[in-house]
């Protein structure tokens, strides 16, 4: 639990340096920030005197990597590196004022949401390692992409107003620009997209948990992994509407009481059909 929380804090705080810099501060250059952080994943010792996040990464990695097999370490490095690159691409897009299409935005958003690196960490801390299936991992790949969309779009629905104020692209604002419609109409379309994607994710998870198409000898490990992964998605959605993170006054009750948080996120956690 402690290691999970520390990884979550590190990933969120590092991400916030781009999306929510402190008052008076500017977002850092992604390459400058992430280069030493990713180097720490390969065993490079951070520079003496540095106070950057690479020291936190080095500490977390030395307490995590030795517990996991090589294929997991390679996957985590690939997922975190892809997140870092996507964050850089997002920063360039903001700086240059690019108008992304919904398709372009969705492809980028699923890489910047940080869900996949965090899901990798959960494999370590929960003991639910993603099985290496004899028939390939395409089902897990589909599940992971659906989950990234579900959490990313839910985040966008809850943070739409703040992102609009900051001038950041968001699923809602991208749809409004593409459709030449109001934010209210775009938010409703985003809510429908989220609803459909969430149901796709739950269907994929349910099939894996039931062992559909999974060899008998691998069904238990698939069930354990998929259950933990599904719980991470549910926890992420619950967190969005209970922390007040995107409410101006940080009020959880206000964050849940109205708007897209209650309409598009909270019901996903409490519906009877999620098991």
C-alpha atoms as a PDB file:
ATOM      1  CA  UNK A   1       0.000   0.000   0.000  1.00  0.00           C
ATOM      2  CA  UNK A   2       2.769   2.451   0.945  1.00  0.00           C
ATOM      3  CA  UNK A   3       4.752   1.825  -2.238  1.00  0.00           C
ATOM      4  CA  UNK A   4       1.608   2.144  -4.370  1.00  0.00           C
ATOM      5  CA  UNK A   5       0.771   5.476  -2.765  1.00  0.00           C
ATOM      6  CA  UNK A   6       4.315   6.770  -3.242  1.00  0.00           C
ATOM      7  CA  UNK A   7       4.310   5.862  -6.930  1.00  0.00           C
ATOM      8  CA  UNK A   8       0.888   7.471  -7.405  1.00  0.00           C
ATOM      9  CA  UNK A   9       2.068  10.655  -5.690  1.00  0.00           C
ATOM     10  CA  UNK A  10       5.251  10.778  -7.779  1.00  0.00           C
ATOM     11  CA  UNK A  11       3.448  10.225 -11.083  1.00  0.00           C
ATOM     12  CA  UNK A  12       0.717  12.763 -10.286  1.00  0.00           C
ATOM     13  CA  UNK A  13       3.072  15.441  -8.942  1.00  0.00           C
ATOM     14  CA  UNK A  14       5.413  15.115 -11.917  1.00  0.00           C
ATOM     15  CA  UNK A  15       2.475  15.340 -14.309  1.00  0.00           C
ATOM     16  CA  UNK A  16       1.116  18.389 -12.476  1.00  0.00           C
ATOM     17  CA  UNK A  17       4.323  20.307 -13.183  1.00  0.00           C
ATOM     18  CA  UNK A  18       3.051  20.499 -16.772  1.00  0.00           C
ATOM     19  CA  UNK A  19      -0.706  20.713 -16.327  1.00  0.00           C
ATOM     20  CA  UNK A  20      -1.002  22.681 -13.091  1.00  0.00           C
ATOM     21  CA  UNK A  21       2.201  24.629 -12.405  1.00  0.00           C
ATOM     22  CA  UNK A  22       2.407  26.639  -9.196  1.00  0.00           C
ATOM     23  CA  UNK A  23       1.194  30.259  -9.364  1.00  0.00           C
ATOM     24  CA  UNK A  24       3.790  32.361 -11.151  1.00  0.00           C
ATOM     25  CA  UNK A  25       5.627  29.313 -12.473  1.00  0.00           C
ATOM     26  CA  UNK A  26       5.782  28.097 -16.057  1.00  0.00           C
ATOM     27  CA  UNK A  27       5.556  24.533 -17.289  1.00  0.00           C
ATOM     28  CA  UNK A  28       9.043  23.010 -17.621  1.00  0.00           C
ATOM     29  CA  UNK A  29      10.498  21.677 -20.844  1.00  0.00           C
ATOM     30  CA  UNK A  30       9.444  18.031 -21.028  1.00  0.00           C
ATOM     31  CA  UNK A  31      12.728  16.786 -22.467  1.00  0.00           C
ATOM     32  CA  UNK A  32      14.774  18.539 -19.781  1.00  0.00           C
ATOM     33  CA  UNK A  33      12.596  17.205 -16.992  1.00  0.00           C
ATOM     34  CA  UNK A  34      12.137  13.639 -18.191  1.00  0.00           C
ATOM     35  CA  UNK A  35      15.579  12.860 -19.599  1.00  0.00           C
ATOM     36  CA  UNK A  36      17.212  12.370 -16.170  1.00  0.00           C
ATOM     37  CA  UNK A  37      14.053  10.733 -14.813  1.00  0.00           C
ATOM     38  CA  UNK A  38      14.083   8.078 -17.537  1.00  0.00           C
ATOM     39  CA  UNK A  39      17.862   7.700 -17.175  1.00  0.00           C
ATOM     40  CA  UNK A  40      17.238   6.704 -13.559  1.00  0.00           C
ATOM     41  CA  UNK A  41      15.191   3.769 -14.852  1.00  0.00           C
ATOM     42  CA  UNK A  42      18.276   2.417 -16.612  1.00  0.00           C
ATOM     43  CA  UNK A  43      20.363   2.588 -13.450  1.00  0.00           C
ATOM     44  CA  UNK A  44      22.047   5.936 -14.049  1.00  0.00           C
ATOM     45  CA  UNK A  45      22.782   7.713 -10.768  1.00  0.00           C
ATOM     46  CA  UNK A  46      21.286  11.226 -10.656  1.00  0.00           C
ATOM     47  CA  UNK A  47      23.749  14.097 -10.763  1.00  0.00           C
ATOM     48  CA  UNK A  48      25.168  15.194  -7.436  1.00  0.00           C
ATOM     49  CA  UNK A  49      23.399  18.274  -6.123  1.00  0.00           C
ATOM     50  CA  UNK A  50      20.303  17.713  -8.245  1.00  0.00           C
ATOM     51  CA  UNK A  51      17.003  18.156  -6.473  1.00  0.00           C
ATOM     52  CA  UNK A  52      14.873  17.054  -9.414  1.00  0.00           C
ATOM     53  CA  UNK A  53      12.349  14.221  -9.583  1.00  0.00           C
ATOM     54  CA  UNK A  54      15.037  11.858 -10.885  1.00  0.00           C
ATOM     55  CA  UNK A  55      16.075  11.237  -7.280  1.00  0.00           C
ATOM     56  CA  UNK A  56      12.539  10.198  -6.385  1.00  0.00           C
ATOM     57  CA  UNK A  57      12.395   7.946  -9.434  1.00  0.00           C
ATOM     58  CA  UNK A  58      15.729   6.359  -8.576  1.00  0.00           C
ATOM     59  CA  UNK A  59      14.527   5.632  -5.038  1.00  0.00           C
ATOM     60  CA  UNK A  60      11.201   4.177  -6.164  1.00  0.00           C
ATOM     61  CA  UNK A  61      12.775   2.127  -8.933  1.00  0.00           C
ATOM     62  CA  UNK A  62      15.368   0.494  -6.673  1.00  0.00           C
ATOM     63  CA  UNK A  63      12.545  -0.595  -4.365  1.00  0.00           C
ATOM     64  CA  UNK A  64      10.363  -1.905  -7.203  1.00  0.00           C
ATOM     65  CA  UNK A  65      12.373  -3.293 -10.123  1.00  0.00           C
ATOM     66  CA  UNK A  66      14.239  -6.050  -8.223  1.00  0.00           C
ATOM     67  CA  UNK A  67      10.893  -7.588  -7.291  1.00  0.00           C
ATOM     68  CA  UNK A  68       9.757  -7.941 -10.907  1.00  0.00           C
ATOM     69  CA  UNK A  69      10.790 -10.020 -13.957  1.00  0.00           C
ATOM     70  CA  UNK A  70      12.701  -8.492 -16.835  1.00  0.00           C
ATOM     71  CA  UNK A  71       9.727  -8.399 -19.211  1.00  0.00           C
ATOM     72  CA  UNK A  72       7.787  -6.314 -16.677  1.00  0.00           C
ATOM     73  CA  UNK A  73      10.703  -3.899 -16.232  1.00  0.00           C
ATOM     74  CA  UNK A  74      10.941  -3.455 -19.985  1.00  0.00           C
ATOM     75  CA  UNK A  75       7.201  -2.807 -20.240  1.00  0.00           C
ATOM     76  CA  UNK A  76       7.196  -0.230 -17.453  1.00  0.00           C
ATOM     77  CA  UNK A  77      10.130   1.646 -18.986  1.00  0.00           C
ATOM     78  CA  UNK A  78       8.370   1.595 -22.373  1.00  0.00           C
ATOM     79  CA  UNK A  79       5.065   2.812 -20.884  1.00  0.00           C
ATOM     80  CA  UNK A  80       6.653   5.582 -18.833  1.00  0.00           C
ATOM     81  CA  UNK A  81       8.882   6.683 -21.712  1.00  0.00           C
ATOM     82  CA  UNK A  82       5.858   6.847 -24.015  1.00  0.00           C
ATOM     83  CA  UNK A  83       4.009   8.942 -21.431  1.00  0.00           C
ATOM     84  CA  UNK A  84       6.989  11.313 -21.232  1.00  0.00           C
ATOM     85  CA  UNK A  85       7.165  11.655 -25.006  1.00  0.00           C
ATOM     86  CA  UNK A  86       3.430  12.254 -25.245  1.00  0.00           C
ATOM     87  CA  UNK A  87       3.683  14.952 -22.584  1.00  0.00           C
ATOM     88  CA  UNK A  88       6.348  16.650 -24.688  1.00  0.00           C
ATOM     89  CA  UNK A  89       4.146  16.401 -27.784  1.00  0.00           C
ATOM     90  CA  UNK A  90       1.251  17.881 -25.838  1.00  0.00           C
ATOM     91  CA  UNK A  91       3.458  20.764 -24.689  1.00  0.00           C
ATOM     92  CA  UNK A  92       4.544  21.543 -28.252  1.00  0.00           C
ATOM     93  CA  UNK A  93       0.940  21.448 -29.392  1.00  0.00           C
ATOM     94  CA  UNK A  94      -0.044  23.944 -26.698  1.00  0.00           C
ATOM     95  CA  UNK A  95       2.871  26.251 -27.426  1.00  0.00           C
ATOM     96  CA  UNK A  96       2.157  26.290 -31.150  1.00  0.00           C
ATOM     97  CA  UNK A  97      -1.597  26.627 -30.668  1.00  0.00           C
ATOM     98  CA  UNK A  98      -2.414  23.552 -32.727  1.00  0.00           C
ATOM     99  CA  UNK A  99      -6.053  22.568 -33.086  1.00  0.00           C
ATOM    100  CA  UNK A 100      -6.198  18.783 -32.770  1.00  0.00           C
ATOM    101  CA  UNK A 101      -8.960  16.726 -34.333  1.00  0.00           C
ATOM    102  CA  UNK A 102     -10.915  14.444 -31.975  1.00  0.00           C
ATOM    103  CA  UNK A 103      -9.080  11.428 -33.414  1.00  0.00           C
ATOM    104  CA  UNK A 104      -5.678  13.062 -32.865  1.00  0.00           C
ATOM    105  CA  UNK A 105      -6.619  14.179 -29.376  1.00  0.00           C
ATOM    106  CA  UNK A 106      -7.907  10.751 -28.302  1.00  0.00           C
ATOM    107  CA  UNK A 107      -4.718   9.063 -29.525  1.00  0.00           C
ATOM    108  CA  UNK A 108      -2.589  11.554 -27.564  1.00  0.00           C
ATOM    109  CA  UNK A 109      -4.774  11.579 -24.446  1.00  0.00           C
ATOM    110  CA  UNK A 110      -4.557   7.855 -23.825  1.00  0.00           C
ATOM    111  CA  UNK A 111      -0.772   8.282 -23.656  1.00  0.00           C
ATOM    112  CA  UNK A 112      -0.750  11.291 -21.303  1.00  0.00           C
ATOM    113  CA  UNK A 113      -3.267  10.038 -18.723  1.00  0.00           C
ATOM    114  CA  UNK A 114      -0.575   8.039 -16.802  1.00  0.00           C
ATOM    115  CA  UNK A 115      -2.950   5.130 -16.165  1.00  0.00           C
ATOM    116  CA  UNK A 116      -0.786   2.531 -17.881  1.00  0.00           C
ATOM    117  CA  UNK A 117       2.430   3.207 -15.915  1.00  0.00           C
ATOM    118  CA  UNK A 118       0.351   3.168 -12.727  1.00  0.00           C
ATOM    119  CA  UNK A 119      -1.282  -0.103 -13.783  1.00  0.00           C
ATOM    120  CA  UNK A 120       2.181  -1.593 -14.235  1.00  0.00           C
ATOM    121  CA  UNK A 121       3.074  -0.569 -10.680  1.00  0.00           C
ATOM    122  CA  UNK A 122      -0.090  -2.159  -9.346  1.00  0.00           C
ATOM    123  CA  UNK A 123       1.054  -5.475 -10.800  1.00  0.00           C
ATOM    124  CA  UNK A 124       4.028  -5.283  -8.474  1.00  0.00           C
ATOM    125  CA  UNK A 125       2.325  -4.046  -5.331  1.00  0.00           C
ATOM    126  CA  UNK A 126      -0.797  -6.227  -5.638  1.00  0.00           C
ATOM    127  CA  UNK A 127       0.960  -9.364  -6.795  1.00  0.00           C
ATOM    128  CA  UNK A 128      -1.256  -9.472  -9.907  1.00  0.00           C
ATOM    129  CA  UNK A 129       1.313  -9.781 -12.697  1.00  0.00           C
ATOM    130  CA  UNK A 130      -0.034  -9.594 -16.246  1.00  0.00           C
ATOM    131  CA  UNK A 131       0.176 -13.182 -17.549  1.00  0.00           C
ATOM    132  CA  UNK A 132       2.171 -13.910 -20.683  1.00  0.00           C
ATOM    133  CA  UNK A 133      -0.507 -15.787 -22.591  1.00  0.00           C
ATOM    134  CA  UNK A 134       0.439 -18.554 -24.979  1.00  0.00           C
ATOM    135  CA  UNK A 135      -1.938 -17.071 -27.559  1.00  0.00           C
ATOM    136  CA  UNK A 136      -0.561 -13.542 -27.277  1.00  0.00           C
ATOM    137  CA  UNK A 137      -1.491 -10.452 -25.280  1.00  0.00           C
ATOM    138  CA  UNK A 138      -3.855  -8.750 -27.752  1.00  0.00           C
ATOM    139  CA  UNK A 139      -6.799  -9.011 -25.343  1.00  0.00           C
ATOM    140  CA  UNK A 140      -4.822  -7.256 -22.606  1.00  0.00           C
ATOM    141  CA  UNK A 141      -3.663  -4.587 -25.051  1.00  0.00           C
ATOM    142  CA  UNK A 142      -7.277  -3.842 -25.976  1.00  0.00           C
ATOM    143  CA  UNK A 143      -8.308  -3.798 -22.320  1.00  0.00           C
ATOM    144  CA  UNK A 144      -5.510  -1.381 -21.394  1.00  0.00           C
ATOM    145  CA  UNK A 145      -6.313   1.051 -24.209  1.00  0.00           C
ATOM    146  CA  UNK A 146     -10.007   1.035 -23.314  1.00  0.00           C
ATOM    147  CA  UNK A 147      -9.134   1.730 -19.677  1.00  0.00           C
ATOM    148  CA  UNK A 148      -6.867   4.632 -20.626  1.00  0.00           C
ATOM    149  CA  UNK A 149      -9.716   6.154 -22.646  1.00  0.00           C
ATOM    150  CA  UNK A 150     -12.245   5.648 -19.841  1.00  0.00           C
ATOM    151  CA  UNK A 151     -10.101   7.350 -17.215  1.00  0.00           C
ATOM    152  CA  UNK A 152      -8.750  10.016 -19.563  1.00  0.00           C
ATOM    153  CA  UNK A 153     -12.177  11.047 -20.823  1.00  0.00           C
ATOM    154  CA  UNK A 154     -13.648  11.023 -17.323  1.00  0.00           C
ATOM    155  CA  UNK A 155     -10.798  13.285 -16.225  1.00  0.00           C
ATOM    156  CA  UNK A 156     -11.578  15.611 -19.125  1.00  0.00           C
ATOM    157  CA  UNK A 157     -15.267  15.764 -18.245  1.00  0.00           C
ATOM    158  CA  UNK A 158     -14.469  16.718 -14.658  1.00  0.00           C
ATOM    159  CA  UNK A 159     -11.682  19.176 -15.575  1.00  0.00           C
ATOM    160  CA  UNK A 160     -13.332  20.783 -18.619  1.00  0.00           C
ATOM    161  CA  UNK A 161     -13.879  24.183 -17.021  1.00  0.00           C
ATOM    162  CA  UNK A 162     -10.385  24.396 -15.567  1.00  0.00           C
ATOM    163  CA  UNK A 163      -8.800  23.283 -18.830  1.00  0.00           C
ATOM    164  CA  UNK A 164     -10.824  25.903 -20.692  1.00  0.00           C
ATOM    165  CA  UNK A 165      -9.566  28.610 -18.328  1.00  0.00           C
ATOM    166  CA  UNK A 166      -5.973  27.460 -18.787  1.00  0.00           C
ATOM    167  CA  UNK A 167      -6.308  27.197 -22.552  1.00  0.00           C
ATOM    168  CA  UNK A 168      -5.539  23.481 -22.536  1.00  0.00           C
ATOM    169  CA  UNK A 169      -6.999  21.076 -25.085  1.00  0.00           C
ATOM    170  CA  UNK A 170      -9.606  18.809 -23.571  1.00  0.00           C
ATOM    171  CA  UNK A 171     -11.962  16.253 -25.117  1.00  0.00           C
ATOM    172  CA  UNK A 172     -14.854  18.657 -24.546  1.00  0.00           C
ATOM    173  CA  UNK A 173     -13.152  21.692 -26.099  1.00  0.00           C
ATOM    174  CA  UNK A 174     -11.792  19.631 -28.999  1.00  0.00           C
ATOM    175  CA  UNK A 175     -15.289  18.343 -29.797  1.00  0.00           C
ATOM    176  CA  UNK A 176     -16.743  21.851 -29.500  1.00  0.00           C
ATOM    177  CA  UNK A 177     -14.164  23.169 -31.950  1.00  0.00           C
ATOM    178  CA  UNK A 178     -14.606  20.292 -34.407  1.00  0.00           C
ATOM    179  CA  UNK A 179     -18.425  20.401 -34.328  1.00  0.00           C
ATOM    180  CA  UNK A 180     -18.711  24.209 -34.029  1.00  0.00           C
ATOM    181  CA  UNK A 181     -21.087  23.666 -31.116  1.00  0.00           C
ATOM    182  CA  UNK A 182     -21.467  24.929 -27.572  1.00  0.00           C
ATOM    183  CA  UNK A 183     -19.437  23.530 -24.679  1.00  0.00           C
ATOM    184  CA  UNK A 184     -22.649  22.149 -23.208  1.00  0.00           C
ATOM    185  CA  UNK A 185     -23.399  20.207 -26.393  1.00  0.00           C
ATOM    186  CA  UNK A 186     -19.780  19.032 -26.639  1.00  0.00           C
ATOM    187  CA  UNK A 187     -19.835  17.912 -23.010  1.00  0.00           C
ATOM    188  CA  UNK A 188     -22.947  15.851 -23.663  1.00  0.00           C
ATOM    189  CA  UNK A 189     -21.285  14.188 -26.648  1.00  0.00           C
ATOM    190  CA  UNK A 190     -18.182  13.485 -24.559  1.00  0.00           C
ATOM    191  CA  UNK A 191     -20.411  11.987 -21.872  1.00  0.00           C
ATOM    192  CA  UNK A 192     -21.974   9.639 -24.437  1.00  0.00           C
ATOM    193  CA  UNK A 193     -18.530   8.667 -25.721  1.00  0.00           C
ATOM    194  CA  UNK A 194     -17.421   7.933 -22.175  1.00  0.00           C
ATOM    195  CA  UNK A 195     -20.541   5.876 -21.502  1.00  0.00           C
ATOM    196  CA  UNK A 196     -19.958   3.716 -24.588  1.00  0.00           C
ATOM    197  CA  UNK A 197     -16.233   3.284 -23.928  1.00  0.00           C
ATOM    198  CA  UNK A 198     -16.846   2.399 -20.308  1.00  0.00           C
ATOM    199  CA  UNK A 199     -19.241  -0.342 -21.345  1.00  0.00           C
ATOM    200  CA  UNK A 200     -16.699  -1.656 -23.854  1.00  0.00           C
ATOM    201  CA  UNK A 201     -14.109  -1.795 -21.085  1.00  0.00           C
ATOM    202  CA  UNK A 202     -16.446  -3.623 -18.705  1.00  0.00           C
ATOM    203  CA  UNK A 203     -17.356  -6.136 -21.408  1.00  0.00           C
ATOM    204  CA  UNK A 204     -13.701  -6.832 -22.174  1.00  0.00           C
ATOM    205  CA  UNK A 205     -12.910  -7.222 -18.484  1.00  0.00           C
ATOM    206  CA  UNK A 206     -15.879  -9.486 -17.862  1.00  0.00           C
ATOM    207  CA  UNK A 207     -14.955 -11.786 -20.742  1.00  0.00           C
ATOM    208  CA  UNK A 208     -11.392 -12.115 -19.517  1.00  0.00           C
ATOM    209  CA  UNK A 209     -12.515 -12.750 -15.946  1.00  0.00           C
ATOM    210  CA  UNK A 210     -14.871 -15.451 -17.191  1.00  0.00           C
ATOM    211  CA  UNK A 211     -12.052 -17.048 -19.180  1.00  0.00           C
ATOM    212  CA  UNK A 212     -13.551 -16.552 -22.637  1.00  0.00           C
ATOM    213  CA  UNK A 213     -10.928 -17.693 -25.145  1.00  0.00           C
ATOM    214  CA  UNK A 214      -8.360 -18.223 -22.386  1.00  0.00           C
ATOM    215  CA  UNK A 215      -6.649 -21.625 -22.011  1.00  0.00           C
ATOM    216  CA  UNK A 216      -7.795 -23.389 -18.847  1.00  0.00           C
ATOM    217  CA  UNK A 217      -4.345 -23.380 -17.242  1.00  0.00           C
ATOM    218  CA  UNK A 218      -4.111 -19.589 -17.599  1.00  0.00           C
ATOM    219  CA  UNK A 219      -7.611 -18.596 -16.476  1.00  0.00           C
ATOM    220  CA  UNK A 220      -6.848 -18.048 -12.797  1.00  0.00           C
ATOM    221  CA  UNK A 221      -3.876 -15.746 -13.435  1.00  0.00           C
ATOM    222  CA  UNK A 222      -5.921 -13.845 -16.035  1.00  0.00           C
ATOM    223  CA  UNK A 223      -8.789 -13.464 -13.572  1.00  0.00           C
ATOM    224  CA  UNK A 224      -6.473 -12.163 -10.834  1.00  0.00           C
ATOM    225  CA  UNK A 225      -4.809  -9.637 -13.140  1.00  0.00           C
ATOM    226  CA  UNK A 226      -8.034  -8.417 -14.736  1.00  0.00           C
ATOM    227  CA  UNK A 227      -9.757  -8.016 -11.368  1.00  0.00           C
ATOM    228  CA  UNK A 228      -6.908  -5.866 -10.041  1.00  0.00           C
ATOM    229  CA  UNK A 229      -6.844  -3.825 -13.251  1.00  0.00           C
ATOM    230  CA  UNK A 230     -10.605  -3.265 -13.153  1.00  0.00           C
ATOM    231  CA  UNK A 231     -10.375  -2.185  -9.517  1.00  0.00           C
ATOM    232  CA  UNK A 232      -7.679   0.368 -10.448  1.00  0.00           C
ATOM    233  CA  UNK A 233      -9.986   1.895 -13.064  1.00  0.00           C
ATOM    234  CA  UNK A 234     -12.894   2.040 -10.606  1.00  0.00           C
ATOM    235  CA  UNK A 235     -10.655   3.594  -7.965  1.00  0.00           C
ATOM    236  CA  UNK A 236      -9.410   6.197 -10.451  1.00  0.00           C
ATOM    237  CA  UNK A 237     -12.982   7.210 -11.336  1.00  0.00           C
ATOM    238  CA  UNK A 238     -13.968   7.339  -7.672  1.00  0.00           C
ATOM    239  CA  UNK A 239     -10.934   9.501  -6.897  1.00  0.00           C
ATOM    240  CA  UNK A 240     -11.932  12.016  -9.556  1.00  0.00           C
ATOM    241  CA  UNK A 241     -15.238  12.804  -7.877  1.00  0.00           C
ATOM    242  CA  UNK A 242     -14.254  12.592  -4.218  1.00  0.00           C
ATOM    243  CA  UNK A 243     -11.108  14.705  -3.999  1.00  0.00           C
ATOM    244  CA  UNK A 244     -12.448  18.026  -5.314  1.00  0.00           C
ATOM    245  CA  UNK A 245      -9.243  18.235  -7.359  1.00  0.00           C
ATOM    246  CA  UNK A 246     -10.858  20.198 -10.170  1.00  0.00           C
ATOM    247  CA  UNK A 247     -13.262  22.255  -8.092  1.00  0.00           C
ATOM    248  CA  UNK A 248     -12.172  25.894  -7.560  1.00  0.00           C
ATOM    249  CA  UNK A 249     -12.418  25.519  -3.799  1.00  0.00           C
ATOM    250  CA  UNK A 250     -11.294  21.910  -3.581  1.00  0.00           C
ATOM    251  CA  UNK A 251     -14.631  20.746  -2.216  1.00  0.00           C
ATOM    252  CA  UNK A 252     -15.370  17.056  -2.783  1.00  0.00           C
ATOM    253  CA  UNK A 253     -19.072  17.534  -2.121  1.00  0.00           C
ATOM    254  CA  UNK A 254     -19.258  20.324  -4.664  1.00  0.00           C
ATOM    255  CA  UNK A 255     -17.324  18.270  -7.176  1.00  0.00           C
ATOM    256  CA  UNK A 256     -19.846  15.442  -6.901  1.00  0.00           C
ATOM    257  CA  UNK A 257     -23.033  17.454  -6.636  1.00  0.00           C
ATOM    258  CA  UNK A 258     -23.428  18.654 -10.183  1.00  0.00           C
ATOM    259  CA  UNK A 259     -22.179  18.569 -13.734  1.00  0.00           C
ATOM    260  CA  UNK A 260     -20.216  15.849 -15.515  1.00  0.00           C
ATOM    261  CA  UNK A 261     -18.621  14.421 -12.401  1.00  0.00           C
ATOM    262  CA  UNK A 262     -21.883  12.988 -11.114  1.00  0.00           C
ATOM    263  CA  UNK A 263     -23.324  12.264 -14.564  1.00  0.00           C
ATOM    264  CA  UNK A 264     -20.380  10.573 -16.252  1.00  0.00           C
ATOM    265  CA  UNK A 265     -18.073   9.286 -13.532  1.00  0.00           C
ATOM    266  CA  UNK A 266     -19.774   8.501 -10.268  1.00  0.00           C
ATOM    267  CA  UNK A 267     -22.473   6.138 -11.664  1.00  0.00           C
ATOM    268  CA  UNK A 268     -19.778   3.963 -13.215  1.00  0.00           C
ATOM    269  CA  UNK A 269     -18.553   3.003  -9.785  1.00  0.00           C
ATOM    270  CA  UNK A 270     -21.941   2.185  -8.272  1.00  0.00           C
ATOM    271  CA  UNK A 271     -23.936   0.505 -11.075  1.00  0.00           C
ATOM    272  CA  UNK A 272     -24.928  -3.061 -10.284  1.00  0.00           C
ATOM    273  CA  UNK A 273     -23.651  -4.330 -13.617  1.00  0.00           C
ATOM    274  CA  UNK A 274     -19.970  -3.584 -12.976  1.00  0.00           C
ATOM    275  CA  UNK A 275     -19.164  -6.923 -11.329  1.00  0.00           C
END
